N, C-alpha and C. Protein backbone atom coordinates (compact mmCIF):
# COMPACT_ATOMS: atom_id res chain seq x y z
N MET A 1 8.61 6.84 7.76
CA MET A 1 8.04 7.93 6.98
C MET A 1 6.89 8.56 7.77
N SER A 2 6.90 9.88 7.93
CA SER A 2 5.83 10.54 8.66
C SER A 2 4.65 10.79 7.75
N THR A 3 3.42 10.64 8.31
CA THR A 3 2.21 10.86 7.54
C THR A 3 1.19 11.57 8.42
N SER A 4 0.15 12.12 7.79
CA SER A 4 -0.93 12.74 8.54
C SER A 4 -2.22 12.57 7.75
N THR A 5 -3.35 12.86 8.40
CA THR A 5 -4.65 12.86 7.72
C THR A 5 -5.19 14.28 7.66
N ASP A 6 -4.29 15.25 7.54
CA ASP A 6 -4.65 16.66 7.50
C ASP A 6 -4.89 17.07 6.05
N PHE A 7 -6.13 16.88 5.58
CA PHE A 7 -6.47 17.30 4.23
C PHE A 7 -7.97 17.51 4.15
N SER A 8 -8.42 18.16 3.07
CA SER A 8 -9.82 18.51 2.91
C SER A 8 -10.60 17.41 2.21
N ARG A 9 -11.92 17.49 2.28
CA ARG A 9 -12.77 16.56 1.56
C ARG A 9 -12.52 16.66 0.06
N ALA A 10 -12.32 17.88 -0.43
CA ALA A 10 -12.06 18.06 -1.86
C ALA A 10 -10.80 17.33 -2.29
N GLU A 11 -9.76 17.37 -1.45
CA GLU A 11 -8.51 16.68 -1.79
C GLU A 11 -8.70 15.17 -1.85
N ILE A 12 -9.41 14.63 -0.86
CA ILE A 12 -9.59 13.18 -0.83
C ILE A 12 -10.49 12.73 -1.97
N ASP A 13 -11.49 13.55 -2.33
CA ASP A 13 -12.35 13.21 -3.46
C ASP A 13 -11.55 13.22 -4.76
N GLN A 14 -10.65 14.19 -4.91
CA GLN A 14 -9.81 14.24 -6.11
C GLN A 14 -8.88 13.04 -6.18
N PHE A 15 -8.30 12.67 -5.03
CA PHE A 15 -7.43 11.50 -4.99
C PHE A 15 -8.22 10.25 -5.39
N TRP A 16 -9.43 10.14 -4.90
CA TRP A 16 -10.25 8.96 -5.20
C TRP A 16 -10.57 8.87 -6.69
N GLN A 17 -10.89 9.98 -7.32
CA GLN A 17 -11.16 9.97 -8.75
C GLN A 17 -9.92 9.55 -9.54
N THR A 18 -8.76 10.00 -9.08
CA THR A 18 -7.51 9.59 -9.72
C THR A 18 -7.29 8.09 -9.57
N TRP A 19 -7.63 7.56 -8.39
CA TRP A 19 -7.51 6.13 -8.13
C TRP A 19 -8.44 5.32 -9.05
N LEU A 20 -9.69 5.76 -9.20
CA LEU A 20 -10.64 5.05 -10.05
C LEU A 20 -10.16 5.04 -11.51
N GLU A 21 -9.65 6.17 -11.97
CA GLU A 21 -9.15 6.24 -13.35
C GLU A 21 -7.95 5.32 -13.53
N ALA A 22 -7.06 5.28 -12.54
CA ALA A 22 -5.90 4.39 -12.63
C ALA A 22 -6.34 2.93 -12.66
N ASN A 23 -7.38 2.59 -11.92
CA ASN A 23 -7.90 1.23 -11.95
C ASN A 23 -8.44 0.86 -13.33
N ARG A 24 -9.15 1.78 -13.95
CA ARG A 24 -9.69 1.51 -15.28
C ARG A 24 -8.56 1.28 -16.28
N LYS A 25 -7.49 2.05 -16.16
CA LYS A 25 -6.35 1.87 -17.07
C LYS A 25 -5.65 0.54 -16.79
N ALA A 26 -5.53 0.18 -15.53
CA ALA A 26 -4.90 -1.09 -15.18
C ALA A 26 -5.69 -2.27 -15.73
N GLU A 27 -7.01 -2.20 -15.61
CA GLU A 27 -7.85 -3.26 -16.14
C GLU A 27 -7.71 -3.38 -17.65
N ALA A 28 -7.68 -2.24 -18.33
CA ALA A 28 -7.60 -2.25 -19.79
C ALA A 28 -6.28 -2.82 -20.28
N SER A 29 -5.21 -2.59 -19.52
CA SER A 29 -3.87 -3.03 -19.94
C SER A 29 -3.46 -4.36 -19.32
N ASN A 30 -4.27 -4.88 -18.38
CA ASN A 30 -3.91 -6.09 -17.61
C ASN A 30 -2.57 -5.91 -16.89
N ASP A 31 -2.31 -4.68 -16.47
CA ASP A 31 -1.07 -4.38 -15.73
C ASP A 31 -1.46 -3.66 -14.44
N TRP A 32 -1.64 -4.43 -13.38
CA TRP A 32 -2.08 -3.86 -12.11
C TRP A 32 -0.94 -3.17 -11.37
N GLY A 33 0.29 -3.48 -11.76
CA GLY A 33 1.44 -2.92 -11.08
C GLY A 33 1.50 -1.40 -11.14
N VAL A 34 0.86 -0.80 -12.14
CA VAL A 34 0.89 0.66 -12.27
C VAL A 34 0.21 1.34 -11.09
N LEU A 35 -0.63 0.61 -10.35
CA LEU A 35 -1.32 1.19 -9.20
C LEU A 35 -0.40 1.40 -8.00
N ALA A 36 0.77 0.78 -8.02
CA ALA A 36 1.65 0.81 -6.85
C ALA A 36 2.04 2.22 -6.44
N GLU A 37 2.14 3.13 -7.39
CA GLU A 37 2.58 4.48 -7.05
C GLU A 37 1.54 5.25 -6.23
N HIS A 38 0.34 4.71 -6.10
CA HIS A 38 -0.68 5.36 -5.26
C HIS A 38 -0.49 5.04 -3.79
N TYR A 39 0.44 4.13 -3.47
CA TYR A 39 0.66 3.71 -2.09
C TYR A 39 1.88 4.41 -1.49
N ALA A 40 1.80 4.70 -0.19
CA ALA A 40 2.96 5.20 0.52
C ALA A 40 4.06 4.14 0.53
N GLU A 41 5.30 4.57 0.69
CA GLU A 41 6.42 3.63 0.65
C GLU A 41 6.30 2.54 1.71
N ASP A 42 5.71 2.86 2.87
CA ASP A 42 5.60 1.90 3.95
C ASP A 42 4.17 1.40 4.14
N ALA A 43 3.35 1.48 3.10
CA ALA A 43 1.95 1.04 3.18
C ALA A 43 1.85 -0.47 3.42
N THR A 44 0.71 -0.89 3.95
CA THR A 44 0.41 -2.31 4.08
C THR A 44 -0.89 -2.61 3.35
N TYR A 45 -0.98 -3.84 2.82
CA TYR A 45 -2.15 -4.23 2.02
C TYR A 45 -2.40 -5.71 2.29
N GLY A 46 -3.58 -6.03 2.81
CA GLY A 46 -3.86 -7.42 3.15
C GLY A 46 -5.31 -7.81 3.02
N TRP A 47 -5.54 -9.12 3.09
CA TRP A 47 -6.89 -9.67 3.11
C TRP A 47 -6.84 -11.08 3.67
N MET A 48 -8.01 -11.65 3.96
CA MET A 48 -8.11 -12.98 4.55
C MET A 48 -8.61 -13.98 3.52
N TYR A 49 -7.94 -15.12 3.43
CA TYR A 49 -8.45 -16.25 2.66
C TYR A 49 -9.26 -17.19 3.56
N THR A 50 -8.69 -17.55 4.68
CA THR A 50 -9.36 -18.37 5.67
C THR A 50 -8.99 -17.79 7.04
N PRO A 51 -9.63 -18.24 8.13
CA PRO A 51 -9.25 -17.70 9.44
C PRO A 51 -7.77 -17.82 9.76
N ASP A 52 -7.07 -18.79 9.15
CA ASP A 52 -5.65 -18.94 9.46
C ASP A 52 -4.76 -18.86 8.22
N GLU A 53 -5.29 -18.32 7.13
CA GLU A 53 -4.45 -18.02 5.96
C GLU A 53 -4.79 -16.62 5.49
N HIS A 54 -3.80 -15.76 5.57
CA HIS A 54 -3.97 -14.37 5.20
C HIS A 54 -2.90 -13.98 4.20
N PHE A 55 -3.22 -12.95 3.44
CA PHE A 55 -2.22 -12.32 2.57
C PHE A 55 -1.86 -10.97 3.17
N MET A 56 -0.57 -10.64 3.14
CA MET A 56 -0.14 -9.31 3.59
C MET A 56 1.12 -8.90 2.84
N ALA A 57 1.05 -7.71 2.25
CA ALA A 57 2.22 -7.10 1.63
C ALA A 57 2.58 -5.86 2.44
N VAL A 58 3.86 -5.70 2.72
CA VAL A 58 4.34 -4.58 3.52
C VAL A 58 5.32 -3.76 2.68
N GLY A 59 4.96 -2.52 2.42
CA GLY A 59 5.80 -1.65 1.61
C GLY A 59 5.36 -1.63 0.16
N ARG A 60 5.65 -0.53 -0.50
CA ARG A 60 5.21 -0.33 -1.88
C ARG A 60 5.72 -1.41 -2.83
N GLU A 61 6.95 -1.86 -2.65
CA GLU A 61 7.49 -2.84 -3.59
C GLU A 61 6.83 -4.21 -3.43
N GLN A 62 6.55 -4.63 -2.18
CA GLN A 62 5.81 -5.89 -2.00
C GLN A 62 4.39 -5.75 -2.55
N ILE A 63 3.79 -4.58 -2.38
CA ILE A 63 2.46 -4.37 -2.95
C ILE A 63 2.52 -4.50 -4.46
N ARG A 64 3.53 -3.89 -5.07
CA ARG A 64 3.69 -3.97 -6.53
C ARG A 64 3.92 -5.43 -6.98
N ASP A 65 4.84 -6.12 -6.30
CA ASP A 65 5.26 -7.45 -6.75
C ASP A 65 4.27 -8.55 -6.38
N TRP A 66 3.64 -8.42 -5.21
CA TRP A 66 2.77 -9.49 -4.72
C TRP A 66 1.29 -9.18 -4.88
N ALA A 67 0.81 -8.12 -4.19
CA ALA A 67 -0.62 -7.82 -4.22
C ALA A 67 -1.10 -7.51 -5.64
N LEU A 68 -0.30 -6.75 -6.37
CA LEU A 68 -0.66 -6.34 -7.72
C LEU A 68 0.02 -7.20 -8.79
N GLY A 69 0.86 -8.13 -8.34
CA GLY A 69 1.62 -8.99 -9.27
C GLY A 69 1.20 -10.43 -9.17
N THR A 70 1.86 -11.19 -8.29
CA THR A 70 1.58 -12.64 -8.22
C THR A 70 0.13 -12.94 -7.87
N GLU A 71 -0.50 -12.11 -7.03
CA GLU A 71 -1.88 -12.37 -6.64
C GLU A 71 -2.88 -12.12 -7.78
N MET A 72 -2.46 -11.41 -8.81
CA MET A 72 -3.34 -11.15 -9.95
C MET A 72 -3.06 -12.07 -11.14
N GLN A 73 -2.09 -12.96 -11.00
CA GLN A 73 -1.78 -13.88 -12.09
C GLN A 73 -2.96 -14.80 -12.36
N GLY A 74 -3.25 -15.01 -13.63
CA GLY A 74 -4.37 -15.86 -14.02
C GLY A 74 -5.69 -15.13 -14.10
N LEU A 75 -5.69 -13.84 -13.74
CA LEU A 75 -6.93 -13.08 -13.72
C LEU A 75 -6.98 -12.04 -14.83
N ASP A 76 -6.26 -12.28 -15.92
CA ASP A 76 -6.31 -11.38 -17.07
C ASP A 76 -7.76 -11.27 -17.56
N GLY A 77 -8.19 -10.05 -17.80
CA GLY A 77 -9.55 -9.83 -18.28
C GLY A 77 -10.58 -9.62 -17.19
N TRP A 78 -10.23 -9.98 -15.96
CA TRP A 78 -11.14 -9.73 -14.84
C TRP A 78 -11.19 -8.24 -14.57
N HIS A 79 -12.34 -7.77 -14.10
CA HIS A 79 -12.44 -6.36 -13.73
C HIS A 79 -13.22 -6.21 -12.44
N TYR A 80 -12.90 -5.13 -11.75
CA TYR A 80 -13.40 -4.89 -10.40
C TYR A 80 -14.03 -3.50 -10.39
N ASP A 81 -15.28 -3.45 -10.78
CA ASP A 81 -15.95 -2.17 -10.99
C ASP A 81 -16.46 -1.62 -9.66
N TYR A 82 -15.94 -0.47 -9.25
CA TYR A 82 -16.43 0.18 -8.04
C TYR A 82 -17.84 0.70 -8.29
N VAL A 83 -18.76 0.33 -7.41
CA VAL A 83 -20.16 0.72 -7.60
C VAL A 83 -20.67 1.65 -6.50
N ALA A 84 -19.95 1.75 -5.38
CA ALA A 84 -20.35 2.63 -4.30
C ALA A 84 -19.13 2.99 -3.47
N THR A 85 -19.12 4.19 -2.92
CA THR A 85 -18.00 4.67 -2.12
C THR A 85 -18.53 5.41 -0.90
N VAL A 86 -17.91 5.16 0.24
CA VAL A 86 -18.21 5.89 1.46
C VAL A 86 -16.90 6.53 1.92
N THR A 87 -16.92 7.84 2.16
CA THR A 87 -15.72 8.59 2.51
C THR A 87 -15.89 9.27 3.86
N ASP A 88 -14.87 9.19 4.70
CA ASP A 88 -14.83 9.90 5.97
C ASP A 88 -13.55 10.73 5.99
N GLU A 89 -13.68 11.99 5.64
CA GLU A 89 -12.49 12.83 5.55
C GLU A 89 -11.89 13.14 6.91
N THR A 90 -12.65 12.99 7.98
CA THR A 90 -12.09 13.30 9.31
C THR A 90 -11.06 12.27 9.74
N THR A 91 -11.20 11.02 9.27
CA THR A 91 -10.24 9.97 9.59
C THR A 91 -9.36 9.60 8.41
N GLY A 92 -9.70 10.13 7.24
CA GLY A 92 -8.94 9.78 6.04
C GLY A 92 -9.26 8.40 5.52
N MET A 93 -10.45 7.88 5.84
CA MET A 93 -10.81 6.52 5.42
C MET A 93 -11.82 6.55 4.27
N VAL A 94 -11.64 5.62 3.35
CA VAL A 94 -12.55 5.44 2.23
C VAL A 94 -12.88 3.95 2.14
N VAL A 95 -14.14 3.64 1.94
CA VAL A 95 -14.56 2.26 1.69
C VAL A 95 -15.16 2.22 0.29
N GLY A 96 -14.64 1.33 -0.55
CA GLY A 96 -15.14 1.17 -1.90
C GLY A 96 -15.69 -0.24 -2.09
N PHE A 97 -16.90 -0.33 -2.62
CA PHE A 97 -17.52 -1.63 -2.90
C PHE A 97 -17.41 -1.92 -4.39
N TRP A 98 -16.93 -3.11 -4.73
CA TRP A 98 -16.76 -3.44 -6.13
C TRP A 98 -17.38 -4.79 -6.48
N LYS A 99 -17.76 -4.91 -7.77
CA LYS A 99 -18.22 -6.18 -8.33
C LYS A 99 -17.04 -6.82 -9.06
N GLN A 100 -16.91 -8.12 -8.89
CA GLN A 100 -15.77 -8.84 -9.45
C GLN A 100 -16.27 -9.73 -10.59
N LYS A 101 -15.92 -9.34 -11.82
CA LYS A 101 -16.41 -10.04 -13.01
C LYS A 101 -15.25 -10.56 -13.84
N ALA A 102 -15.50 -11.68 -14.52
CA ALA A 102 -14.42 -12.43 -15.18
C ALA A 102 -14.09 -11.96 -16.59
N GLY A 103 -14.96 -11.17 -17.20
CA GLY A 103 -14.71 -10.82 -18.60
C GLY A 103 -14.95 -11.99 -19.54
N ILE A 104 -15.60 -13.04 -19.06
CA ILE A 104 -15.91 -14.24 -19.85
C ILE A 104 -17.42 -14.45 -19.78
N THR A 105 -18.06 -14.68 -20.93
CA THR A 105 -19.52 -14.79 -20.99
C THR A 105 -19.98 -16.23 -20.81
N ASP A 106 -21.00 -16.40 -19.99
CA ASP A 106 -21.67 -17.68 -19.80
C ASP A 106 -22.63 -17.87 -20.97
N ASP A 107 -22.41 -18.90 -21.78
CA ASP A 107 -23.24 -19.12 -22.97
C ASP A 107 -24.71 -19.34 -22.63
N GLU A 108 -24.98 -19.91 -21.47
CA GLU A 108 -26.37 -20.20 -21.11
C GLU A 108 -27.15 -18.95 -20.74
N THR A 109 -26.52 -18.03 -20.04
CA THR A 109 -27.22 -16.84 -19.57
C THR A 109 -26.93 -15.60 -20.42
N GLY A 110 -25.83 -15.63 -21.16
CA GLY A 110 -25.42 -14.46 -21.92
C GLY A 110 -24.79 -13.38 -21.07
N LYS A 111 -24.56 -13.69 -19.78
CA LYS A 111 -23.97 -12.72 -18.86
C LYS A 111 -22.55 -13.14 -18.50
N GLU A 112 -21.78 -12.16 -18.02
CA GLU A 112 -20.42 -12.45 -17.56
C GLU A 112 -20.45 -13.33 -16.31
N TYR A 113 -19.48 -14.22 -16.22
CA TYR A 113 -19.28 -14.91 -14.96
C TYR A 113 -18.89 -13.87 -13.92
N GLN A 114 -19.50 -13.98 -12.74
CA GLN A 114 -19.29 -12.97 -11.71
C GLN A 114 -19.25 -13.64 -10.34
N ILE A 115 -18.40 -13.12 -9.47
CA ILE A 115 -18.41 -13.56 -8.07
C ILE A 115 -19.54 -12.79 -7.39
N LEU A 116 -20.55 -13.50 -6.95
CA LEU A 116 -21.80 -12.86 -6.54
C LEU A 116 -21.75 -12.28 -5.13
N GLY A 117 -20.85 -12.74 -4.30
CA GLY A 117 -20.77 -12.18 -2.95
C GLY A 117 -20.26 -10.76 -2.97
N LEU A 118 -20.48 -10.05 -1.87
CA LEU A 118 -20.00 -8.67 -1.76
C LEU A 118 -18.47 -8.63 -1.71
N GLY A 119 -17.92 -7.62 -2.34
CA GLY A 119 -16.48 -7.41 -2.30
C GLY A 119 -16.18 -5.94 -2.14
N GLY A 120 -15.05 -5.66 -1.52
CA GLY A 120 -14.71 -4.26 -1.36
C GLY A 120 -13.33 -4.05 -0.78
N SER A 121 -12.95 -2.80 -0.68
CA SER A 121 -11.65 -2.41 -0.15
C SER A 121 -11.85 -1.25 0.83
N TRP A 122 -11.10 -1.32 1.92
CA TRP A 122 -11.12 -0.29 2.97
C TRP A 122 -9.74 0.36 2.96
N PHE A 123 -9.70 1.67 2.74
CA PHE A 123 -8.46 2.41 2.56
C PHE A 123 -8.23 3.41 3.68
N GLY A 124 -6.98 3.59 4.05
CA GLY A 124 -6.56 4.70 4.88
C GLY A 124 -5.72 5.63 4.04
N ILE A 125 -6.21 6.84 3.80
CA ILE A 125 -5.50 7.81 2.97
C ILE A 125 -4.67 8.71 3.89
N VAL A 126 -3.43 8.96 3.51
CA VAL A 126 -2.54 9.78 4.33
C VAL A 126 -1.83 10.81 3.45
N ARG A 127 -1.39 11.88 4.09
CA ARG A 127 -0.50 12.82 3.41
C ARG A 127 0.92 12.51 3.85
N VAL A 128 1.78 12.26 2.89
CA VAL A 128 3.16 11.92 3.21
C VAL A 128 3.90 13.17 3.65
N GLY A 129 4.62 13.04 4.76
CA GLY A 129 5.25 14.21 5.33
C GLY A 129 6.70 14.43 4.95
N ASP A 130 7.36 13.39 4.44
CA ASP A 130 8.76 13.56 4.05
C ASP A 130 9.11 12.60 2.93
N GLY A 131 10.32 12.68 2.44
CA GLY A 131 10.77 11.82 1.35
C GLY A 131 10.33 12.34 -0.01
N ALA A 132 10.48 11.50 -1.02
CA ALA A 132 10.20 11.91 -2.39
C ALA A 132 8.73 12.24 -2.62
N ASP A 133 7.84 11.64 -1.80
CA ASP A 133 6.40 11.85 -1.97
C ASP A 133 5.85 12.94 -1.05
N SER A 134 6.70 13.73 -0.43
CA SER A 134 6.30 14.71 0.56
C SER A 134 5.17 15.61 0.04
N GLY A 135 4.12 15.71 0.85
CA GLY A 135 2.98 16.56 0.51
C GLY A 135 1.89 15.87 -0.27
N GLN A 136 2.17 14.70 -0.82
CA GLN A 136 1.19 14.01 -1.65
C GLN A 136 0.26 13.14 -0.81
N LEU A 137 -0.97 12.94 -1.31
CA LEU A 137 -1.87 11.96 -0.70
C LEU A 137 -1.53 10.59 -1.27
N LYS A 138 -1.47 9.61 -0.39
CA LYS A 138 -1.18 8.23 -0.77
C LYS A 138 -2.06 7.29 0.07
N ILE A 139 -2.11 6.04 -0.33
CA ILE A 139 -2.79 5.01 0.45
C ILE A 139 -1.81 4.52 1.50
N GLY A 140 -2.15 4.72 2.77
CA GLY A 140 -1.28 4.26 3.86
C GLY A 140 -1.51 2.81 4.21
N TRP A 141 -2.75 2.35 4.05
CA TRP A 141 -3.07 0.94 4.27
C TRP A 141 -4.34 0.60 3.49
N GLN A 142 -4.47 -0.67 3.16
CA GLN A 142 -5.66 -1.17 2.48
C GLN A 142 -5.97 -2.57 2.98
N ARG A 143 -7.23 -2.83 3.23
CA ARG A 143 -7.71 -4.16 3.59
C ARG A 143 -8.90 -4.50 2.70
N ASP A 144 -8.84 -5.65 2.05
CA ASP A 144 -9.91 -6.10 1.16
C ASP A 144 -10.75 -7.17 1.84
N TRP A 145 -11.96 -7.34 1.36
CA TRP A 145 -12.78 -8.49 1.74
C TRP A 145 -13.52 -8.99 0.51
N PHE A 146 -13.80 -10.28 0.49
CA PHE A 146 -14.56 -10.88 -0.60
C PHE A 146 -15.15 -12.18 -0.08
N ASP A 147 -16.14 -12.67 -0.79
CA ASP A 147 -16.83 -13.90 -0.40
C ASP A 147 -16.06 -15.09 -0.98
N LEU A 148 -15.31 -15.76 -0.12
CA LEU A 148 -14.46 -16.86 -0.61
C LEU A 148 -15.29 -18.01 -1.16
N GLY A 149 -16.42 -18.30 -0.52
CA GLY A 149 -17.26 -19.39 -1.01
C GLY A 149 -17.79 -19.10 -2.40
N SER A 150 -18.24 -17.86 -2.63
CA SER A 150 -18.72 -17.47 -3.95
C SER A 150 -17.59 -17.46 -4.97
N THR A 151 -16.40 -17.05 -4.54
CA THR A 151 -15.24 -17.06 -5.43
C THR A 151 -14.92 -18.48 -5.88
N ALA A 152 -14.87 -19.41 -4.93
CA ALA A 152 -14.58 -20.81 -5.27
C ALA A 152 -15.63 -21.36 -6.22
N HIS A 153 -16.91 -21.04 -5.94
CA HIS A 153 -17.99 -21.53 -6.81
C HIS A 153 -17.82 -21.02 -8.24
N THR A 154 -17.53 -19.72 -8.39
CA THR A 154 -17.37 -19.15 -9.74
C THR A 154 -16.17 -19.74 -10.45
N PHE A 155 -15.04 -19.89 -9.75
CA PHE A 155 -13.85 -20.48 -10.35
C PHE A 155 -14.14 -21.91 -10.83
N LEU A 156 -14.79 -22.70 -9.98
CA LEU A 156 -15.08 -24.09 -10.34
C LEU A 156 -16.09 -24.18 -11.48
N THR A 157 -17.07 -23.27 -11.49
CA THR A 157 -18.03 -23.25 -12.58
C THR A 157 -17.34 -22.91 -13.89
N LEU A 158 -16.43 -21.94 -13.85
CA LEU A 158 -15.66 -21.59 -15.04
C LEU A 158 -14.83 -22.77 -15.52
N ALA A 159 -14.17 -23.45 -14.58
CA ALA A 159 -13.34 -24.60 -14.95
C ALA A 159 -14.19 -25.69 -15.60
N GLY A 160 -15.38 -25.93 -15.07
CA GLY A 160 -16.25 -26.95 -15.61
C GLY A 160 -16.86 -26.59 -16.95
N SER A 161 -16.92 -25.29 -17.24
CA SER A 161 -17.52 -24.84 -18.50
C SER A 161 -16.61 -25.04 -19.69
N GLY A 162 -15.31 -25.24 -19.42
CA GLY A 162 -14.35 -25.33 -20.50
C GLY A 162 -13.90 -23.97 -21.03
N LYS A 163 -14.38 -22.89 -20.41
CA LYS A 163 -14.04 -21.55 -20.88
C LYS A 163 -12.95 -20.88 -20.05
N ALA A 164 -12.51 -21.54 -18.99
CA ALA A 164 -11.46 -20.95 -18.16
C ALA A 164 -10.13 -20.99 -18.91
N PRO A 165 -9.43 -19.86 -19.02
CA PRO A 165 -8.13 -19.87 -19.69
C PRO A 165 -7.11 -20.65 -18.85
N GLN A 166 -6.08 -21.16 -19.50
CA GLN A 166 -5.10 -21.99 -18.80
C GLN A 166 -4.44 -21.26 -17.64
N PRO A 167 -4.10 -19.97 -17.76
CA PRO A 167 -3.49 -19.30 -16.60
C PRO A 167 -4.38 -19.32 -15.36
N LEU A 168 -5.70 -19.24 -15.53
CA LEU A 168 -6.60 -19.32 -14.38
C LEU A 168 -6.61 -20.73 -13.80
N LEU A 169 -6.61 -21.73 -14.67
CA LEU A 169 -6.55 -23.11 -14.19
C LEU A 169 -5.24 -23.37 -13.44
N ASP A 170 -4.15 -22.81 -13.96
CA ASP A 170 -2.86 -22.96 -13.28
C ASP A 170 -2.91 -22.30 -11.90
N ARG A 171 -3.53 -21.15 -11.82
CA ARG A 171 -3.64 -20.46 -10.54
C ARG A 171 -4.45 -21.28 -9.54
N MET A 172 -5.51 -21.89 -10.00
CA MET A 172 -6.36 -22.68 -9.13
C MET A 172 -5.62 -23.90 -8.57
N GLY A 173 -4.57 -24.32 -9.26
CA GLY A 173 -3.80 -25.48 -8.83
C GLY A 173 -2.69 -25.16 -7.84
N LEU A 174 -2.48 -23.88 -7.54
CA LEU A 174 -1.42 -23.49 -6.63
C LEU A 174 -1.81 -23.75 -5.18
N LYS A 175 -0.82 -24.07 -4.36
CA LYS A 175 -1.03 -24.20 -2.92
C LYS A 175 -0.81 -22.83 -2.29
N GLY A 176 -1.85 -22.31 -1.64
CA GLY A 176 -1.83 -20.95 -1.15
C GLY A 176 -0.65 -20.60 -0.29
N MET A 177 -0.37 -21.43 0.72
CA MET A 177 0.67 -21.09 1.67
C MET A 177 2.08 -21.13 1.08
N ASP A 178 2.21 -21.64 -0.13
CA ASP A 178 3.51 -21.64 -0.80
C ASP A 178 3.76 -20.33 -1.56
N GLN A 179 2.75 -19.46 -1.62
CA GLN A 179 2.86 -18.24 -2.42
C GLN A 179 3.40 -17.08 -1.57
N PRO A 180 4.13 -16.17 -2.21
CA PRO A 180 4.68 -15.03 -1.44
C PRO A 180 3.58 -14.17 -0.84
N GLY A 181 3.79 -13.76 0.40
CA GLY A 181 2.83 -12.91 1.08
C GLY A 181 1.74 -13.64 1.83
N HIS A 182 1.73 -14.97 1.78
CA HIS A 182 0.73 -15.75 2.49
C HIS A 182 1.29 -16.15 3.86
N TYR A 183 0.49 -15.89 4.90
CA TYR A 183 0.93 -16.12 6.27
C TYR A 183 -0.16 -16.79 7.10
N ARG A 184 0.28 -17.57 8.09
CA ARG A 184 -0.62 -17.93 9.17
C ARG A 184 -0.90 -16.67 9.97
N ARG A 185 -2.06 -16.60 10.58
CA ARG A 185 -2.41 -15.37 11.30
C ARG A 185 -1.37 -14.99 12.34
N ALA A 186 -0.86 -15.97 13.05
CA ALA A 186 0.11 -15.67 14.11
C ALA A 186 1.41 -15.09 13.57
N ASP A 187 1.67 -15.27 12.27
CA ASP A 187 2.94 -14.83 11.69
C ASP A 187 2.82 -13.56 10.85
N LEU A 188 1.65 -12.97 10.81
CA LEU A 188 1.44 -11.80 9.96
C LEU A 188 2.39 -10.66 10.31
N PRO A 189 2.98 -10.01 9.30
CA PRO A 189 3.88 -8.89 9.58
C PRO A 189 3.13 -7.59 9.86
N SER A 190 1.84 -7.54 9.63
CA SER A 190 0.99 -6.43 10.03
C SER A 190 -0.35 -7.02 10.47
N THR A 191 -1.18 -6.22 11.13
CA THR A 191 -2.41 -6.76 11.71
C THR A 191 -3.52 -6.92 10.68
N VAL A 192 -4.44 -7.84 10.97
CA VAL A 192 -5.59 -8.07 10.11
C VAL A 192 -6.38 -6.76 9.98
N TRP A 193 -6.75 -6.17 11.14
CA TRP A 193 -7.34 -4.84 11.12
C TRP A 193 -6.22 -3.83 10.94
N PRO A 194 -6.49 -2.72 10.29
CA PRO A 194 -5.43 -1.70 10.15
C PRO A 194 -4.90 -1.30 11.52
N PRO A 195 -3.61 -1.07 11.63
CA PRO A 195 -3.01 -0.74 12.92
C PRO A 195 -3.67 0.44 13.64
N VAL A 196 -4.20 1.40 12.88
CA VAL A 196 -4.81 2.57 13.52
C VAL A 196 -6.18 2.27 14.10
N VAL A 197 -6.73 1.07 13.78
CA VAL A 197 -8.06 0.70 14.24
C VAL A 197 -8.00 -0.29 15.39
N GLY A 198 -7.14 -1.29 15.27
CA GLY A 198 -7.04 -2.31 16.29
C GLY A 198 -6.05 -3.36 15.89
N ASP A 199 -5.65 -4.21 16.86
CA ASP A 199 -4.61 -5.20 16.61
C ASP A 199 -5.15 -6.61 16.48
N GLU A 200 -6.45 -6.77 16.32
CA GLU A 200 -7.01 -8.13 16.23
C GLU A 200 -6.90 -8.66 14.80
């Protein structure tokens, strides 16, 4: 599929607002799969769990089924509120920083359980040049980052509090490398860094 980054700042800003609204609807419905239509058919979406365990989905359907499906299991009620955005229309890149909150209140503090480390997503926005999506702006690639140590701490604290729902406990019991889309770094079907940036 041919793509380009030939678009205006106004177009990319409009696309971003549409993306934020779609995220809010996905959170409210606990159906993240609806976000899949924002990705190009051949998009890639990945992140790192450990230096030698990575997640990577290649293509819109893997993104729908894995990144927005199996990887979100057990996280009903969690929300990822974007709090800052940096946009570079010359490269078609957007970086969004989000807070990751559980939707479950800590009785001691009266606040939501939250993963305290920084989290965010780095996007490559493209204009699709052919096919059913021709002319539309889509996400060509996405790479996420999050603080794994802080994530583990929050999950374990929730489990110890007795307030963790069973689906989250079930998720915590899964072996990562047995899940779809999990790869050793040497076996990744796309690069850790977006292909347009580097192959490391």
